[in-house]
Amino acid sequence: MKLELYTSAFCAPCHAARAVVAEAQALVPALVVDEADVAARADQAEARGIRSTPTMVVLTDDGTEVFRAAGAPRLDQVLSALALAV
């Protein structure tokens, strides 16, 4: 499973989202996290339809999107979203 985290450099909620995603990654070793700064990877963010930061997108191993949420998530929300990708 893969989690794409779309962030921006000066976004306070992005810092919180990074910390929560790091906690989730520690609990779920199979999780692949790809953090994308929307300024540096604008094409990718546009292709995914990212409109705000932070935005989290959870994908199955075959690349199917199973969950998307904007804003800084709580750990339980991330873990529940990851369960959809299994």
PDB file of N, CA and C in Angstrom:
ATOM      1  N   MET A   1       0.833  -1.179   0.000  1.00  0.00           N
ATOM      2  CA  MET A   1       0.000   0.000   0.000  1.00  0.00           C
ATOM      3  C   MET A   1       0.875   1.239   0.000  1.00  0.00           C
ATOM      4  N   LYS A   2       0.317   2.314  -0.502  1.00  0.00           N
ATOM      5  CA  LYS A   2       1.081   3.551  -0.648  1.00  0.00           C
ATOM      6  C   LYS A   2       0.238   4.724  -0.146  1.00  0.00           C
ATOM      7  N   LEU A   3       0.907   5.648   0.510  1.00  0.00           N
ATOM      8  CA  LEU A   3       0.260   6.866   0.962  1.00  0.00           C
ATOM      9  C   LEU A   3       1.004   8.022   0.318  1.00  0.00           C
ATOM     10  N   GLU A   4       0.281   8.812  -0.435  1.00  0.00           N
ATOM     11  CA  GLU A   4       0.843  10.037  -1.006  1.00  0.00           C
ATOM     12  C   GLU A   4       0.403  11.189  -0.116  1.00  0.00           C
ATOM     13  N   LEU A   5       1.366  11.973   0.337  1.00  0.00           N
ATOM     14  CA  LEU A   5       1.075  13.125   1.185  1.00  0.00           C
ATOM     15  C   LEU A   5       1.503  14.372   0.433  1.00  0.00           C
ATOM     16  N   TYR A   6       0.540  15.206   0.091  1.00  0.00           N
ATOM     17  CA  TYR A   6       0.795  16.439  -0.645  1.00  0.00           C
ATOM     18  C   TYR A   6       0.892  17.573   0.360  1.00  0.00           C
ATOM     19  N   THR A   7       2.026  18.272   0.335  1.00  0.00           N
ATOM     20  CA  THR A   7       2.311  19.308   1.317  1.00  0.00           C
ATOM     21  C   THR A   7       2.841  20.559   0.629  1.00  0.00           C
ATOM     22  N   SER A   8       3.013  21.606   1.431  1.00  0.00           N
ATOM     23  CA  SER A   8       3.690  22.810   0.964  1.00  0.00           C
ATOM     24  C   SER A   8       4.597  23.300   2.099  1.00  0.00           C
ATOM     25  N   ALA A   9       5.613  24.027   1.753  1.00  0.00           N
ATOM     26  CA  ALA A   9       6.673  24.382   2.690  1.00  0.00           C
ATOM     27  C   ALA A   9       6.200  25.203   3.891  1.00  0.00           C
ATOM     28  N   PHE A  10       5.284  26.115   3.688  1.00  0.00           N
ATOM     29  CA  PHE A  10       4.903  27.032   4.761  1.00  0.00           C
ATOM     30  C   PHE A  10       3.535  26.723   5.352  1.00  0.00           C
ATOM     31  N   CYS A  11       3.136  25.482   5.272  1.00  0.00           N
ATOM     32  CA  CYS A  11       1.820  25.040   5.735  1.00  0.00           C
ATOM     33  C   CYS A  11       1.950  24.439   7.131  1.00  0.00           C
ATOM     34  N   ALA A  12       1.414  25.106   8.150  1.00  0.00           N
ATOM     35  CA  ALA A  12       1.507  24.597   9.522  1.00  0.00           C
ATOM     36  C   ALA A  12       0.834  23.230   9.678  1.00  0.00           C
ATOM     37  N   PRO A  13      -0.378  23.016   9.142  1.00  0.00           N
ATOM     38  CA  PRO A  13      -0.987  21.690   9.264  1.00  0.00           C
ATOM     39  C   PRO A  13      -0.165  20.587   8.575  1.00  0.00           C
ATOM     40  N   CYS A  14       0.654  20.948   7.596  1.00  0.00           N
ATOM     41  CA  CYS A  14       1.493  19.962   6.912  1.00  0.00           C
ATOM     42  C   CYS A  14       2.508  19.352   7.864  1.00  0.00           C
ATOM     43  N   HIS A  15       3.027  20.157   8.785  1.00  0.00           N
ATOM     44  CA  HIS A  15       3.988  19.648   9.761  1.00  0.00           C
ATOM     45  C   HIS A  15       3.320  18.602  10.650  1.00  0.00           C
ATOM     46  N   ALA A  16       2.094  18.869  11.071  1.00  0.00           N
ATOM     47  CA  ALA A  16       1.355  17.911  11.890  1.00  0.00           C
ATOM     48  C   ALA A  16       1.052  16.650  11.095  1.00  0.00           C
ATOM     49  N   ALA A  17       0.672  16.810   9.835  1.00  0.00           N
ATOM     50  CA  ALA A  17       0.365  15.656   8.985  1.00  0.00           C
ATOM     51  C   ALA A  17       1.598  14.774   8.801  1.00  0.00           C
ATOM     52  N   ARG A  18       2.747  15.380   8.593  1.00  0.00           N
ATOM     53  CA  ARG A  18       4.002  14.608   8.451  1.00  0.00           C
ATOM     54  C   ARG A  18       4.265  13.758   9.679  1.00  0.00           C
ATOM     55  N   ALA A  19       4.056  14.337  10.854  1.00  0.00           N
ATOM     56  CA  ALA A  19       4.317  13.617  12.106  1.00  0.00           C
ATOM     57  C   ALA A  19       3.379  12.426  12.260  1.00  0.00           C
ATOM     58  N   VAL A  20       2.113  12.621  11.938  1.00  0.00           N
ATOM     59  CA  VAL A  20       1.135  11.533  12.053  1.00  0.00           C
ATOM     60  C   VAL A  20       1.433  10.437  11.038  1.00  0.00           C
ATOM     61  N   VAL A  21       1.774  10.817   9.825  1.00  0.00           N
ATOM     62  CA  VAL A  21       2.107   9.823   8.793  1.00  0.00           C
ATOM     63  C   VAL A  21       3.361   9.048   9.198  1.00  0.00           C
ATOM     64  N   ALA A  22       4.326   9.707   9.801  1.00  0.00           N
ATOM     65  CA  ALA A  22       5.535   9.014  10.271  1.00  0.00           C
ATOM     66  C   ALA A  22       5.185   7.996  11.358  1.00  0.00           C
ATOM     67  N   GLU A  23       4.262   8.356  12.249  1.00  0.00           N
ATOM     68  CA  GLU A  23       3.797   7.407  13.277  1.00  0.00           C
ATOM     69  C   GLU A  23       3.147   6.197  12.630  1.00  0.00           C
ATOM     70  N   ALA A  24       2.296   6.434  11.637  1.00  0.00           N
ATOM     71  CA  ALA A  24       1.617   5.342  10.940  1.00  0.00           C
ATOM     72  C   ALA A  24       2.628   4.453  10.238  1.00  0.00           C
ATOM     73  N   GLN A  25       3.633   5.059   9.639  1.00  0.00           N
ATOM     74  CA  GLN A  25       4.651   4.288   8.932  1.00  0.00           C
ATOM     75  C   GLN A  25       5.438   3.411   9.909  1.00  0.00           C
ATOM     76  N   ALA A  26       5.658   3.888  11.107  1.00  0.00           N
ATOM     77  CA  ALA A  26       6.347   3.090  12.124  1.00  0.00           C
ATOM     78  C   ALA A  26       5.501   1.886  12.540  1.00  0.00           C
ATOM     79  N   LEU A  27       4.184   2.052  12.546  1.00  0.00           N
ATOM     80  CA  LEU A  27       3.278   0.967  12.934  1.00  0.00           C
ATOM     81  C   LEU A  27       2.981  -0.003  11.792  1.00  0.00           C
ATOM     82  N   VAL A  28       3.099   0.473  10.562  1.00  0.00           N
ATOM     83  CA  VAL A  28       2.786  -0.338   9.381  1.00  0.00           C
ATOM     84  C   VAL A  28       4.027  -0.351   8.481  1.00  0.00           C
ATOM     85  N   PRO A  29       4.966  -1.262   8.747  1.00  0.00           N
ATOM     86  CA  PRO A  29       6.234  -1.267   8.008  1.00  0.00           C
ATOM     87  C   PRO A  29       6.084  -1.432   6.496  1.00  0.00           C
ATOM     88  N   ALA A  30       5.008  -2.057   6.040  1.00  0.00           N
ATOM     89  CA  ALA A  30       4.815  -2.252   4.598  1.00  0.00           C
ATOM     90  C   ALA A  30       4.366  -0.978   3.886  1.00  0.00           C
ATOM     91  N   LEU A  31       4.041   0.053   4.648  1.00  0.00           N
ATOM     92  CA  LEU A  31       3.547   1.296   4.067  1.00  0.00           C
ATOM     93  C   LEU A  31       4.663   2.049   3.352  1.00  0.00           C
ATOM     94  N   VAL A  32       4.394   2.416   2.111  1.00  0.00           N
ATOM     95  CA  VAL A  32       5.309   3.260   1.336  1.00  0.00           C
ATOM     96  C   VAL A  32       4.718   4.668   1.338  1.00  0.00           C
ATOM     97  N   VAL A  33       5.502   5.625   1.795  1.00  0.00           N
ATOM     98  CA  VAL A  33       5.036   7.010   1.851  1.00  0.00           C
ATOM     99  C   VAL A  33       5.792   7.827   0.808  1.00  0.00           C
ATOM    100  N   ASP A  34       5.027   8.587   0.041  1.00  0.00           N
ATOM    101  CA  ASP A  34       5.608   9.492  -0.947  1.00  0.00           C
ATOM    102  C   ASP A  34       5.101  10.886  -0.629  1.00  0.00           C
ATOM    103  N   GLU A  35       5.976  11.725  -0.068  1.00  0.00           N
ATOM    104  CA  GLU A  35       5.585  13.100   0.206  1.00  0.00           C
ATOM    105  C   GLU A  35       5.933  13.958  -0.994  1.00  0.00           C
ATOM    106  N   ALA A  36       4.968  14.715  -1.453  1.00  0.00           N
ATOM    107  CA  ALA A  36       5.161  15.561  -2.631  1.00  0.00           C
ATOM    108  C   ALA A  36       4.860  17.013  -2.268  1.00  0.00           C
ATOM    109  N   ASP A  37       5.867  17.855  -2.377  1.00  0.00           N
ATOM    110  CA  ASP A  37       5.672  19.291  -2.204  1.00  0.00           C
ATOM    111  C   ASP A  37       4.973  19.792  -3.469  1.00  0.00           C
ATOM    112  N   VAL A  38       3.828  20.415  -3.311  1.00  0.00           N
ATOM    113  CA  VAL A  38       3.034  20.805  -4.483  1.00  0.00           C
ATOM    114  C   VAL A  38       3.740  21.842  -5.358  1.00  0.00           C
ATOM    115  N   ALA A  39       4.642  22.611  -4.786  1.00  0.00           N
ATOM    116  CA  ALA A  39       5.382  23.579  -5.601  1.00  0.00           C
ATOM    117  C   ALA A  39       6.434  22.870  -6.453  1.00  0.00           C
ATOM    118  N   ALA A  40       7.082  21.881  -5.879  1.00  0.00           N
ATOM    119  CA  ALA A  40       8.139  21.162  -6.600  1.00  0.00           C
ATOM    120  C   ALA A  40       7.595  20.126  -7.570  1.00  0.00           C
ATOM    121  N   ARG A  41       6.423  19.587  -7.252  1.00  0.00           N
ATOM    122  CA  ARG A  41       5.840  18.541  -8.099  1.00  0.00           C
ATOM    123  C   ARG A  41       4.423  18.935  -8.516  1.00  0.00           C
ATOM    124  N   ALA A  42       4.333  20.122  -9.091  1.00  0.00           N
ATOM    125  CA  ALA A  42       3.037  20.684  -9.474  1.00  0.00           C
ATOM    126  C   ALA A  42       2.290  19.807 -10.471  1.00  0.00           C
ATOM    127  N   ASP A  43       2.992  19.210 -11.428  1.00  0.00           N
ATOM    128  CA  ASP A  43       2.329  18.352 -12.419  1.00  0.00           C
ATOM    129  C   ASP A  43       1.650  17.164 -11.760  1.00  0.00           C
ATOM    130  N   GLN A  44       2.346  16.528 -10.813  1.00  0.00           N
ATOM    131  CA  GLN A  44       1.776  15.376 -10.111  1.00  0.00           C
ATOM    132  C   GLN A  44       0.563  15.806  -9.293  1.00  0.00           C
ATOM    133  N   ALA A  45       0.682  16.918  -8.575  1.00  0.00           N
ATOM    134  CA  ALA A  45      -0.427  17.406  -7.755  1.00  0.00           C
ATOM    135  C   ALA A  45      -1.634  17.743  -8.631  1.00  0.00           C
ATOM    136  N   GLU A  46      -1.393  18.380  -9.757  1.00  0.00           N
ATOM    137  CA  GLU A  46      -2.487  18.729 -10.667  1.00  0.00           C
ATOM    138  C   GLU A  46      -3.142  17.469 -11.234  1.00  0.00           C
ATOM    139  N   ALA A  47      -2.340  16.490 -11.613  1.00  0.00           N
ATOM    140  CA  ALA A  47      -2.881  15.241 -12.160  1.00  0.00           C
ATOM    141  C   ALA A  47      -3.750  14.519 -11.138  1.00  0.00           C
ATOM    142  N   ARG A  48      -3.419  14.631  -9.860  1.00  0.00           N
ATOM    143  CA  ARG A  48      -4.202  14.000  -8.795  1.00  0.00           C
ATOM    144  C   ARG A  48      -5.392  14.861  -8.362  1.00  0.00           C
ATOM    145  N   GLY A  49      -5.468  16.088  -8.846  1.00  0.00           N
ATOM    146  CA  GLY A  49      -6.580  16.964  -8.456  1.00  0.00           C
ATOM    147  C   GLY A  49      -6.434  17.519  -7.050  1.00  0.00           C
ATOM    148  N   ILE A  50      -5.208  17.740  -6.624  1.00  0.00           N
ATOM    149  CA  ILE A  50      -4.955  18.268  -5.278  1.00  0.00           C
ATOM    150  C   ILE A  50      -5.282  19.760  -5.268  1.00  0.00           C
ATOM    151  N   ARG A  51      -6.148  20.156  -4.337  1.00  0.00           N
ATOM    152  CA  ARG A  51      -6.601  21.548  -4.260  1.00  0.00           C
ATOM    153  C   ARG A  51      -6.143  22.256  -2.991  1.00  0.00           C
ATOM    154  N   SER A  52      -5.701  21.475  -1.981  1.00  0.00           N
ATOM    155  CA  SER A  52      -5.255  22.088  -0.729  1.00  0.00           C
ATOM    156  C   SER A  52      -4.205  21.195  -0.080  1.00  0.00           C
ATOM    157  N   THR A  53      -3.454  21.795   0.844  1.00  0.00           N
ATOM    158  CA  THR A  53      -2.451  21.024   1.575  1.00  0.00           C
ATOM    159  C   THR A  53      -2.718  21.150   3.064  1.00  0.00           C
ATOM    160  N   PRO A  54      -2.451  20.106   3.799  1.00  0.00           N
ATOM    161  CA  PRO A  54      -2.019  18.795   3.343  1.00  0.00           C
ATOM    162  C   PRO A  54      -3.202  17.993   2.793  1.00  0.00           C
ATOM    163  N   THR A  55      -2.915  17.137   1.845  1.00  0.00           N
ATOM    164  CA  THR A  55      -3.890  16.164   1.353  1.00  0.00           C
ATOM    165  C   THR A  55      -3.219  14.803   1.342  1.00  0.00           C
ATOM    166  N   MET A  56      -3.939  13.813   1.851  1.00  0.00           N
ATOM    167  CA  MET A  56      -3.447  12.451   1.925  1.00  0.00           C
ATOM    168  C   MET A  56      -4.251  11.598   0.947  1.00  0.00           C
ATOM    169  N   VAL A  57      -3.547  10.807   0.141  1.00  0.00           N
ATOM    170  CA  VAL A  57      -4.190   9.887  -0.799  1.00  0.00           C
ATOM    171  C   VAL A  57      -3.631   8.496  -0.509  1.00  0.00           C
ATOM    172  N   VAL A  58      -4.528   7.533  -0.269  1.00  0.00           N
ATOM    173  CA  VAL A  58      -4.118   6.155   0.000  1.00  0.00           C
ATOM    174  C   VAL A  58      -4.431   5.316  -1.228  1.00  0.00           C
ATOM    175  N   LEU A  59      -3.433   4.532  -1.652  1.00  0.00           N
ATOM    176  CA  LEU A  59      -3.551   3.711  -2.851  1.00  0.00           C
ATOM    177  C   LEU A  59      -3.281   2.247  -2.517  1.00  0.00           C
ATOM    178  N   THR A  60      -3.948   1.358  -3.244  1.00  0.00           N
ATOM    179  CA  THR A  60      -3.640  -0.061  -3.130  1.00  0.00           C
ATOM    180  C   THR A  60      -2.338  -0.334  -3.868  1.00  0.00           C
ATOM    181  N   ASP A  61      -1.858  -1.568  -3.771  1.00  0.00           N
ATOM    182  CA  ASP A  61      -0.611  -1.927  -4.452  1.00  0.00           C
ATOM    183  C   ASP A  61      -0.707  -1.766  -5.964  1.00  0.00           C
ATOM    184  N   ASP A  62      -1.915  -1.896  -6.511  1.00  0.00           N
ATOM    185  CA  ASP A  62      -2.066  -1.745  -7.972  1.00  0.00           C
ATOM    186  C   ASP A  62      -2.339  -0.300  -8.390  1.00  0.00           C
ATOM    187  N   GLY A  63      -2.297   0.635  -7.417  1.00  0.00           N
ATOM    188  CA  GLY A  63      -2.456   2.051  -7.736  1.00  0.00           C
ATOM    189  C   GLY A  63      -3.866   2.586  -7.674  1.00  0.00           C
ATOM    190  N   THR A  64      -4.812   1.783  -7.226  1.00  0.00           N
ATOM    191  CA  THR A  64      -6.199   2.236  -7.106  1.00  0.00           C
ATOM    192  C   THR A  64      -6.355   3.123  -5.873  1.00  0.00           C
ATOM    193  N   GLU A  65      -6.911   4.303  -6.068  1.00  0.00           N
ATOM    194  CA  GLU A  65      -7.147   5.206  -4.943  1.00  0.00           C
ATOM    195  C   GLU A  65      -8.331   4.695  -4.131  1.00  0.00           C
ATOM    196  N   VAL A  66      -8.118   4.521  -2.821  1.00  0.00           N
ATOM    197  CA  VAL A  66      -9.186   4.037  -1.953  1.00  0.00           C
ATOM    198  C   VAL A  66      -9.600   5.053  -0.894  1.00  0.00           C
ATOM    199  N   PHE A  67      -8.795   6.105  -0.722  1.00  0.00           N
ATOM    200  CA  PHE A  67      -9.129   7.101   0.292  1.00  0.00           C
ATOM    201  C   PHE A  67      -8.406   8.403  -0.025  1.00  0.00           C
ATOM    202  N   ARG A  68      -9.074   9.505   0.293  1.00  0.00           N
ATOM    203  CA  ARG A  68      -8.486  10.839   0.121  1.00  0.00           C
ATOM    204  C   ARG A  68      -9.072  11.744   1.193  1.00  0.00           C
ATOM    205  N   ALA A  69      -8.210  12.554   1.789  1.00  0.00           N
ATOM    206  CA  ALA A  69      -8.688  13.515   2.785  1.00  0.00           C
ATOM    207  C   ALA A  69      -7.749  14.705   2.825  1.00  0.00           C
ATOM    208  N   ALA A  70      -8.321  15.873   2.984  1.00  0.00           N
ATOM    209  CA  ALA A  70      -7.547  17.105   3.136  1.00  0.00           C
ATOM    210  C   ALA A  70      -7.494  17.466   4.614  1.00  0.00           C
ATOM    211  N   GLY A  71      -6.426  18.151   4.995  1.00  0.00           N
ATOM    212  CA  GLY A  71      -6.264  18.556   6.390  1.00  0.00           C
ATOM    213  C   GLY A  71      -5.351  17.606   7.129  1.00  0.00           C
ATOM    214  N   ALA A  72      -4.945  18.014   8.323  1.00  0.00           N
ATOM    215  CA  ALA A  72      -4.057  17.185   9.140  1.00  0.00           C
ATOM    216  C   ALA A  72      -4.865  16.056   9.777  1.00  0.00           C
ATOM    217  N   PRO A  73      -4.506  14.810   9.476  1.00  0.00           N
ATOM    218  CA  PRO A  73      -5.273  13.676  10.003  1.00  0.00           C
ATOM    219  C   PRO A  73      -4.816  13.285  11.407  1.00  0.00           C
ATOM    220  N   ARG A  74      -5.677  12.547  12.094  1.00  0.00           N
ATOM    221  CA  ARG A  74      -5.296  11.901  13.347  1.00  0.00           C
ATOM    222  C   ARG A  74      -4.766  10.509  12.999  1.00  0.00           C
ATOM    223  N   LEU A  75      -4.006   9.922  13.891  1.00  0.00           N
ATOM    224  CA  LEU A  75      -3.424   8.605  13.650  1.00  0.00           C
ATOM    225  C   LEU A  75      -4.492   7.554  13.376  1.00  0.00           C
ATOM    226  N   ASP A  76      -5.588   7.570  14.154  1.00  0.00           N
ATOM    227  CA  ASP A  76      -6.645   6.576  13.930  1.00  0.00           C
ATOM    228  C   ASP A  76      -7.273   6.730  12.542  1.00  0.00           C
ATOM    229  N   GLN A  77      -7.355   7.946  12.045  1.00  0.00           N
ATOM    230  CA  GLN A  77      -7.899   8.159  10.699  1.00  0.00           C
ATOM    231  C   GLN A  77      -6.974   7.574   9.633  1.00  0.00           C
ATOM    232  N   VAL A  78      -5.675   7.774   9.812  1.00  0.00           N
ATOM    233  CA  VAL A  78      -4.711   7.241   8.849  1.00  0.00           C
ATOM    234  C   VAL A  78      -4.753   5.714   8.848  1.00  0.00           C
ATOM    235  N   LEU A  79      -4.765   5.131  10.038  1.00  0.00           N
ATOM    236  CA  LEU A  79      -4.779   3.669  10.128  1.00  0.00           C
ATOM    237  C   LEU A  79      -6.065   3.086   9.532  1.00  0.00           C
ATOM    238  N   SER A  80      -7.188   3.733   9.753  1.00  0.00           N
ATOM    239  CA  SER A  80      -8.458   3.276   9.160  1.00  0.00           C
ATOM    240  C   SER A  80      -8.409   3.377   7.640  1.00  0.00           C
ATOM    241  N   ALA A  81      -7.825   4.451   7.132  1.00  0.00           N
ATOM    242  CA  ALA A  81      -7.697   4.618   5.676  1.00  0.00           C
ATOM    243  C   ALA A  81      -6.788   3.546   5.087  1.00  0.00           C
ATOM    244  N   LEU A  82      -5.707   3.234   5.790  1.00  0.00           N
ATOM    245  CA  LEU A  82      -4.790   2.205   5.305  1.00  0.00           C
ATOM    246  C   LEU A  82      -5.454   0.830   5.262  1.00  0.00           C
ATOM    247  N   ALA A  83      -6.359   0.566   6.188  1.00  0.00           N
ATOM    248  CA  ALA A  83      -7.069  -0.711   6.202  1.00  0.00           C
ATOM    249  C   ALA A  83      -7.885  -0.908   4.924  1.00  0.00           C
ATOM    250  N   LEU A  84      -8.309   0.174   4.294  1.00  0.00           N
ATOM    251  CA  LEU A  84      -9.069   0.083   3.043  1.00  0.00           C
ATOM    252  C   LEU A  84      -8.202  -0.377   1.887  1.00  0.00           C
ATOM    253  N   ALA A  85      -6.896  -0.231   2.020  1.00  0.00           N
ATOM    254  CA  ALA A  85      -5.980  -0.571   0.930  1.00  0.00           C
ATOM    255  C   ALA A  85      -5.493  -2.016   0.993  1.00  0.00           C
ATOM    256  N   VAL A  86      -5.875  -2.728   2.029  1.00  0.00           N
ATOM    257  CA  VAL A  86      -5.389  -4.106   2.179  1.00  0.00           C
ATOM    258  C   VAL A  86      -6.268  -5.059   1.419  1.00  0.00           C
TER     259      VAL A  86
END
